[in-house]
């Protein structure tokens, strides 16, 4: 192989690597956005369940029943 063919192959690999890196950067950015959305939704669900648990548990103690003597 001549040096021109080697140089062309090296430059081609660099261009392909650069393209792959751009694609990966886009994918990671999309994943980060999706993760942030899922995190926000999970926080909302946790808050709703916590509210339901607090509403379901008795907040006041019931008065003791009078015993008949």
PDB file of N, CA and C in Angstrom:
ATOM      1  N   UNK A   1       0.833  -1.185   0.000  1.00  0.00           N
ATOM      2  CA  UNK A   1       0.000   0.000   0.000  1.00  0.00           C
ATOM      3  C   UNK A   1       0.880   1.251   0.000  1.00  0.00           C
ATOM      4  N   UNK A   2       0.366   2.233  -0.642  1.00  0.00           N
ATOM      5  CA  UNK A   2       1.113   3.493  -0.676  1.00  0.00           C
ATOM      6  C   UNK A   2       0.711   4.360   0.507  1.00  0.00           C
ATOM      7  N   UNK A   3       1.499   5.370   0.740  1.00  0.00           N
ATOM      8  CA  UNK A   3       1.196   6.265   1.871  1.00  0.00           C
ATOM      9  C   UNK A   3      -0.108   7.005   1.640  1.00  0.00           C
ATOM     10  N   UNK A   4      -0.477   7.277   0.384  1.00  0.00           N
ATOM     11  CA  UNK A   4      -1.735   7.972   0.078  1.00  0.00           C
ATOM     12  C   UNK A   4      -2.929   7.094   0.449  1.00  0.00           C
ATOM     13  N   UNK A   5      -2.837   5.811   0.162  1.00  0.00           N
ATOM     14  CA  UNK A   5      -3.920   4.888   0.506  1.00  0.00           C
ATOM     15  C   UNK A   5      -4.041   4.771   2.027  1.00  0.00           C
ATOM     16  N   UNK A   6      -2.919   4.708   2.725  1.00  0.00           N
ATOM     17  CA  UNK A   6      -2.930   4.647   4.189  1.00  0.00           C
ATOM     18  C   UNK A   6      -3.526   5.919   4.786  1.00  0.00           C
ATOM     19  N   UNK A   7      -3.130   7.057   4.223  1.00  0.00           N
ATOM     20  CA  UNK A   7      -3.652   8.335   4.723  1.00  0.00           C
ATOM     21  C   UNK A   7      -5.157   8.426   4.489  1.00  0.00           C
ATOM     22  N   UNK A   8      -5.604   7.995   3.310  1.00  0.00           N
ATOM     23  CA  UNK A   8      -7.037   8.011   3.003  1.00  0.00           C
ATOM     24  C   UNK A   8      -7.803   7.107   3.968  1.00  0.00           C
ATOM     25  N   UNK A   9      -7.288   5.920   4.228  1.00  0.00           N
ATOM     26  CA  UNK A   9      -7.956   4.983   5.145  1.00  0.00           C
ATOM     27  C   UNK A   9      -8.017   5.563   6.561  1.00  0.00           C
ATOM     28  N   UNK A  10      -6.946   6.207   6.982  1.00  0.00           N
ATOM     29  CA  UNK A  10      -6.926   6.804   8.323  1.00  0.00           C
ATOM     30  C   UNK A  10      -7.919   7.951   8.429  1.00  0.00           C
ATOM     31  N   UNK A  11      -7.948   8.806   7.419  1.00  0.00           N
ATOM     32  CA  UNK A  11      -8.892   9.933   7.430  1.00  0.00           C
ATOM     33  C   UNK A  11     -10.322   9.420   7.395  1.00  0.00           C
ATOM     34  N   UNK A  12     -10.575   8.376   6.610  1.00  0.00           N
ATOM     35  CA  UNK A  12     -11.926   7.788   6.540  1.00  0.00           C
ATOM     36  C   UNK A  12     -12.354   7.253   7.908  1.00  0.00           C
ATOM     37  N   UNK A  13     -11.440   6.580   8.603  1.00  0.00           N
ATOM     38  CA  UNK A  13     -11.752   6.065   9.936  1.00  0.00           C
ATOM     39  C   UNK A  13     -12.054   7.196  10.906  1.00  0.00           C
ATOM     40  N   UNK A  14     -11.291   8.269  10.806  1.00  0.00           N
ATOM     41  CA  UNK A  14     -11.517   9.419  11.702  1.00  0.00           C
ATOM     42  C   UNK A  14     -12.893  10.022  11.450  1.00  0.00           C
ATOM     43  N   UNK A  15     -13.259  10.165  10.184  1.00  0.00           N
ATOM     44  CA  UNK A  15     -14.571  10.727   9.843  1.00  0.00           C
ATOM     45  C   UNK A  15     -15.679   9.804  10.342  1.00  0.00           C
ATOM     46  N   UNK A  16     -15.532   8.500  10.168  1.00  0.00           N
ATOM     47  CA  UNK A  16     -16.537   7.556  10.645  1.00  0.00           C
ATOM     48  C   UNK A  16     -16.652   7.586  12.167  1.00  0.00           C
ATOM     49  N   UNK A  17     -15.519   7.673  12.848  1.00  0.00           N
ATOM     50  CA  UNK A  17     -15.542   7.768  14.311  1.00  0.00           C
ATOM     51  C   UNK A  17     -16.239   9.039  14.769  1.00  0.00           C
ATOM     52  N   UNK A  18     -15.969  10.131  14.072  1.00  0.00           N
ATOM     53  CA  UNK A  18     -16.611  11.396  14.422  1.00  0.00           C
ATOM     54  C   UNK A  18     -18.126  11.299  14.243  1.00  0.00           C
ATOM     55  N   UNK A  19     -18.565  10.664  13.165  1.00  0.00           N
ATOM     56  CA  UNK A  19     -19.992  10.487  12.925  1.00  0.00           C
ATOM     57  C   UNK A  19     -20.627   9.621  14.004  1.00  0.00           C
ATOM     58  N   UNK A  20     -19.952   8.554  14.365  1.00  0.00           N
ATOM     59  CA  UNK A  20     -20.473   7.674  15.432  1.00  0.00           C
ATOM     60  C   UNK A  20     -20.548   8.412  16.769  1.00  0.00           C
ATOM     61  N   UNK A  21     -19.557   9.242  17.038  1.00  0.00           N
ATOM     62  CA  UNK A  21     -19.568  10.007  18.295  1.00  0.00           C
ATOM     63  C   UNK A  21     -20.727  11.003  18.321  1.00  0.00           C
ATOM     64  N   UNK A  22     -21.003  11.629  17.196  1.00  0.00           N
ATOM     65  CA  UNK A  22     -22.146  12.545  17.122  1.00  0.00           C
ATOM     66  C   UNK A  22     -23.454  11.799  17.361  1.00  0.00           C
ATOM     67  N   UNK A  23     -23.580  10.608  16.763  1.00  0.00           N
ATOM     68  CA  UNK A  23     -24.788   9.793  16.971  1.00  0.00           C
ATOM     69  C   UNK A  23     -24.925   9.387  18.437  1.00  0.00           C
ATOM     70  N   UNK A  24     -23.826   8.976  19.043  1.00  0.00           N
ATOM     71  CA  UNK A  24     -23.866   8.593  20.456  1.00  0.00           C
ATOM     72  C   UNK A  24     -24.219   9.789  21.344  1.00  0.00           C
ATOM     73  N   UNK A  25     -23.686  10.942  21.014  1.00  0.00           N
ATOM     74  CA  UNK A  25     -23.992  12.145  21.787  1.00  0.00           C
ATOM     75  C   UNK A  25     -25.479  12.454  21.726  1.00  0.00           C
ATOM     76  N   UNK A  26     -26.065  12.330  20.548  1.00  0.00           N
ATOM     77  CA  UNK A  26     -27.505  12.553  20.392  1.00  0.00           C
ATOM     78  C   UNK A  26     -28.308  11.535  21.192  1.00  0.00           C
ATOM     79  N   UNK A  27     -27.907  10.267  21.129  1.00  0.00           N
ATOM     80  CA  UNK A  27     -28.615   9.225  21.865  1.00  0.00           C
ATOM     81  C   UNK A  27     -28.525   9.440  23.373  1.00  0.00           C
ATOM     82  N   UNK A  28     -27.358   9.805  23.857  1.00  0.00           N
ATOM     83  CA  UNK A  28     -27.195  10.042  25.294  1.00  0.00           C
ATOM     84  C   UNK A  28     -28.028  11.241  25.732  1.00  0.00           C
ATOM     85  N   UNK A  29     -28.067  12.259  24.910  1.00  0.00           N
ATOM     86  CA  UNK A  29     -28.888  13.427  25.229  1.00  0.00           C
ATOM     87  C   UNK A  29     -30.361  13.049  25.299  1.00  0.00           C
ATOM     88  N   UNK A  30     -30.822  12.245  24.351  1.00  0.00           N
ATOM     89  CA  UNK A  30     -32.218  11.786  24.369  1.00  0.00           C
ATOM     90  C   UNK A  30     -32.493  10.920  25.597  1.00  0.00           C
ATOM     91  N   UNK A  31     -31.552  10.056  25.952  1.00  0.00           N
ATOM     92  CA  UNK A  31     -31.721   9.229  27.151  1.00  0.00           C
ATOM     93  C   UNK A  31     -31.768  10.075  28.414  1.00  0.00           C
ATOM     94  N   UNK A  32     -30.958  11.108  28.476  1.00  0.00           N
ATOM     95  CA  UNK A  32     -30.966  11.991  29.647  1.00  0.00           C
ATOM     96  C   UNK A  32     -32.303  12.706  29.778  1.00  0.00           C
ATOM     97  N   UNK A  33     -32.854  13.133  28.659  1.00  0.00           N
ATOM     98  CA  UNK A  33     -34.167  13.782  28.682  1.00  0.00           C
ATOM     99  C   UNK A  33     -35.246  12.804  29.145  1.00  0.00           C
ATOM    100  N   UNK A  34     -35.203  11.594  28.617  1.00  0.00           N
ATOM    101  CA  UNK A  34     -36.185  10.582  29.015  1.00  0.00           C
ATOM    102  C   UNK A  34     -36.037  10.235  30.491  1.00  0.00           C
ATOM    103  N   UNK A  35     -34.809  10.138  30.974  1.00  0.00           N
ATOM    104  CA  UNK A  35     -34.573   9.838  32.382  1.00  0.00           C
ATOM    105  C   UNK A  35     -35.127  10.946  33.267  1.00  0.00           C
ATOM    106  N   UNK A  36     -34.899  12.186  32.890  1.00  0.00           N
ATOM    107  CA  UNK A  36     -35.411  13.308  33.684  1.00  0.00           C
ATOM    108  C   UNK A  36     -36.939  13.272  33.734  1.00  0.00           C
ATOM    109  N   UNK A  37     -37.571  12.935  32.609  1.00  0.00           N
ATOM    110  CA  UNK A  37     -39.029  12.834  32.570  1.00  0.00           C
ATOM    111  C   UNK A  37     -39.527  11.705  33.470  1.00  0.00           C
ATOM    112  N   UNK A  38     -38.875  10.543  33.391  1.00  0.00           N
ATOM    113  CA  UNK A  38     -39.271   9.419  34.247  1.00  0.00           C
ATOM    114  C   UNK A  38     -39.050   9.726  35.720  1.00  0.00           C
ATOM    115  N   UNK A  39     -37.967  10.413  36.034  1.00  0.00           N
ATOM    116  CA  UNK A  39     -37.685  10.792  37.413  1.00  0.00           C
ATOM    117  C   UNK A  39     -38.768  11.718  37.945  1.00  0.00           C
ATOM    118  N   UNK A  40     -39.163  12.689  37.132  1.00  0.00           N
ATOM    119  CA  UNK A  40     -40.221  13.627  37.532  1.00  0.00           C
ATOM    120  C   UNK A  40     -41.533  12.886  37.758  1.00  0.00           C
ATOM    121  N   UNK A  41     -41.859  11.945  36.862  1.00  0.00           N
ATOM    122  CA  UNK A  41     -43.100  11.189  37.009  1.00  0.00           C
ATOM    123  C   UNK A  41     -43.071  10.299  38.247  1.00  0.00           C
ATOM    124  N   UNK A  42     -41.922   9.695  38.533  1.00  0.00           N
ATOM    125  CA  UNK A  42     -41.800   8.852  39.718  1.00  0.00           C
ATOM    126  C   UNK A  42     -41.990   9.673  40.991  1.00  0.00           C
ATOM    127  N   UNK A  43     -41.434  10.865  41.024  1.00  0.00           N
ATOM    128  CA  UNK A  43     -41.604  11.730  42.191  1.00  0.00           C
ATOM    129  C   UNK A  43     -43.073  12.066  42.391  1.00  0.00           C
ATOM    130  N   UNK A  44     -43.785  12.337  41.295  1.00  0.00           N
ATOM    131  CA  UNK A  44     -45.216  12.631  41.407  1.00  0.00           C
ATOM    132  C   UNK A  44     -45.979  11.432  41.962  1.00  0.00           C
ATOM    133  N   UNK A  45     -45.657  10.224  41.480  1.00  0.00           N
ATOM    134  CA  UNK A  45     -46.330   9.019  41.978  1.00  0.00           C
ATOM    135  C   UNK A  45     -46.043   8.791  43.457  1.00  0.00           C
ATOM    136  N   UNK A  46     -44.792   8.973  43.858  1.00  0.00           N
ATOM    137  CA  UNK A  46     -44.443   8.807  45.267  1.00  0.00           C
ATOM    138  C   UNK A  46     -45.210   9.790  46.135  1.00  0.00           C
ATOM    139  N   UNK A  47     -45.332  11.018  45.675  1.00  0.00           N
ATOM    140  CA  UNK A  47     -46.066  12.023  46.443  1.00  0.00           C
ATOM    141  C   UNK A  47     -47.539  11.651  46.557  1.00  0.00           C
ATOM    142  N   UNK A  48     -48.111  11.138  45.477  1.00  0.00           N
ATOM    143  CA  UNK A  48     -49.521  10.734  45.519  1.00  0.00           C
ATOM    144  C   UNK A  48     -49.735   9.574  46.488  1.00  0.00           C
ATOM    145  N   UNK A  49     -48.841   8.581  46.454  1.00  0.00           N
ATOM    146  CA  UNK A  49     -48.981   7.451  47.366  1.00  0.00           C
ATOM    147  C   UNK A  49     -48.803   7.893  48.819  1.00  0.00           C
ATOM    148  N   UNK A  50     -47.878   8.793  49.060  1.00  0.00           N
ATOM    149  CA  UNK A  50     -47.683   9.290  50.419  1.00  0.00           C
ATOM    150  C   UNK A  50     -48.931  10.020  50.900  1.00  0.00           C
ATOM    151  N   UNK A  51     -49.527  10.827  50.026  1.00  0.00           N
ATOM    152  CA  UNK A  51     -50.754  11.528  50.387  1.00  0.00           C
ATOM    153  C   UNK A  51     -51.884  10.541  50.665  1.00  0.00           C
ATOM    154  N   UNK A  52     -52.014   9.508  49.830  1.00  0.00           N
ATOM    155  CA  UNK A  52     -53.053   8.499  50.057  1.00  0.00           C
ATOM    156  C   UNK A  52     -52.832   7.768  51.381  1.00  0.00           C
ATOM    157  N   UNK A  53     -51.590   7.451  51.699  1.00  0.00           N
ATOM    158  CA  UNK A  53     -51.304   6.782  52.967  1.00  0.00           C
ATOM    159  C   UNK A  53     -51.662   7.668  54.150  1.00  0.00           C
ATOM    160  N   UNK A  54     -51.358   8.934  54.053  1.00  0.00           N
ATOM    161  CA  UNK A  54     -51.683   9.847  55.151  1.00  0.00           C
ATOM    162  C   UNK A  54     -53.181  10.031  55.301  1.00  0.00           C
ATOM    163  N   UNK A  55     -53.891  10.070  54.176  1.00  0.00           N
ATOM    164  CA  UNK A  55     -55.345  10.242  54.247  1.00  0.00           C
ATOM    165  C   UNK A  55     -56.020   8.972  54.753  1.00  0.00           C
ATOM    166  N   UNK A  56     -55.456   7.811  54.469  1.00  0.00           N
ATOM    167  CA  UNK A  56     -56.067   6.541  54.867  1.00  0.00           C
ATOM    168  C   UNK A  56     -55.854   6.247  56.345  1.00  0.00           C
ATOM    169  N   UNK A  57     -54.749   6.692  56.904  1.00  0.00           N
ATOM    170  CA  UNK A  57     -54.509   6.413  58.319  1.00  0.00           C
ATOM    171  C   UNK A  57     -55.293   7.407  59.167  1.00  0.00           C
ATOM    172  N   UNK A  58     -55.846   6.915  60.279  1.00  0.00           N
ATOM    173  CA  UNK A  58     -56.627   7.819  61.129  1.00  0.00           C
ATOM    174  C   UNK A  58     -55.724   8.875  61.757  1.00  0.00           C
ATOM    175  N   UNK A  59     -56.118  10.105  61.583  1.00  0.00           N
ATOM    176  CA  UNK A  59     -55.299  11.187  62.124  1.00  0.00           C
ATOM    177  C   UNK A  59     -55.662  11.472  63.581  1.00  0.00           C
ATOM    178  N   UNK A  60     -56.865  11.079  63.979  1.00  0.00           N
ATOM    179  CA  UNK A  60     -57.285  11.294  65.361  1.00  0.00           C
ATOM    180  C   UNK A  60     -57.560   9.946  66.011  1.00  0.00           C
ATOM    181  N   UNK A  61     -57.341   9.921  67.274  1.00  0.00           N
ATOM    182  CA  UNK A  61     -57.668   8.696  68.016  1.00  0.00           C
ATOM    183  C   UNK A  61     -59.161   8.712  68.343  1.00  0.00           C
ATOM    184  N   UNK A  62     -59.746   7.581  68.224  1.00  0.00           N
ATOM    185  CA  UNK A  62     -61.173   7.477  68.565  1.00  0.00           C
ATOM    186  C   UNK A  62     -61.309   7.457  70.091  1.00  0.00           C
ATOM    187  N   UNK A  63     -62.396   8.040  70.544  1.00  0.00           N
ATOM    188  CA  UNK A  63     -62.662   8.038  71.988  1.00  0.00           C
ATOM    189  C   UNK A  63     -62.960   6.611  72.423  1.00  0.00           C
ATOM    190  N   UNK A  64     -62.503   6.257  73.621  1.00  0.00           N
ATOM    191  CA  UNK A  64     -62.799   4.900  74.095  1.00  0.00           C
ATOM    192  C   UNK A  64     -64.306   4.761  74.344  1.00  0.00           C
ATOM    193  N   UNK A  65     -64.790   3.578  74.064  1.00  0.00           N
ATOM    194  CA  UNK A  65     -66.210   3.316  74.261  1.00  0.00           C
ATOM    195  C   UNK A  65     -66.490   3.197  75.755  1.00  0.00           C
ATOM    196  N   UNK A  66     -67.695   3.638  76.140  1.00  0.00           N
ATOM    197  CA  UNK A  66     -68.100   3.521  77.540  1.00  0.00           C
ATOM    198  C   UNK A  66     -68.486   2.089  77.820  1.00  0.00           C
ATOM    199  N   UNK A  67     -67.948   1.582  78.895  1.00  0.00           N
ATOM    200  CA  UNK A  67     -68.324   0.219  79.259  1.00  0.00           C
ATOM    201  C   UNK A  67     -69.520   0.284  80.195  1.00  0.00           C
ATOM    202  N   UNK A  68     -70.453  -0.605  80.010  1.00  0.00           N
ATOM    203  CA  UNK A  68     -71.650  -0.635  80.851  1.00  0.00           C
ATOM    204  C   UNK A  68     -71.366  -1.448  82.104  1.00  0.00           C
ATOM    205  N   UNK A  69     -71.655  -0.861  83.250  1.00  0.00           N
ATOM    206  CA  UNK A  69     -71.449  -1.557  84.531  1.00  0.00           C
ATOM    207  C   UNK A  69     -72.712  -1.687  85.278  1.00  0.00           C
TER     208      UNK A  69
END
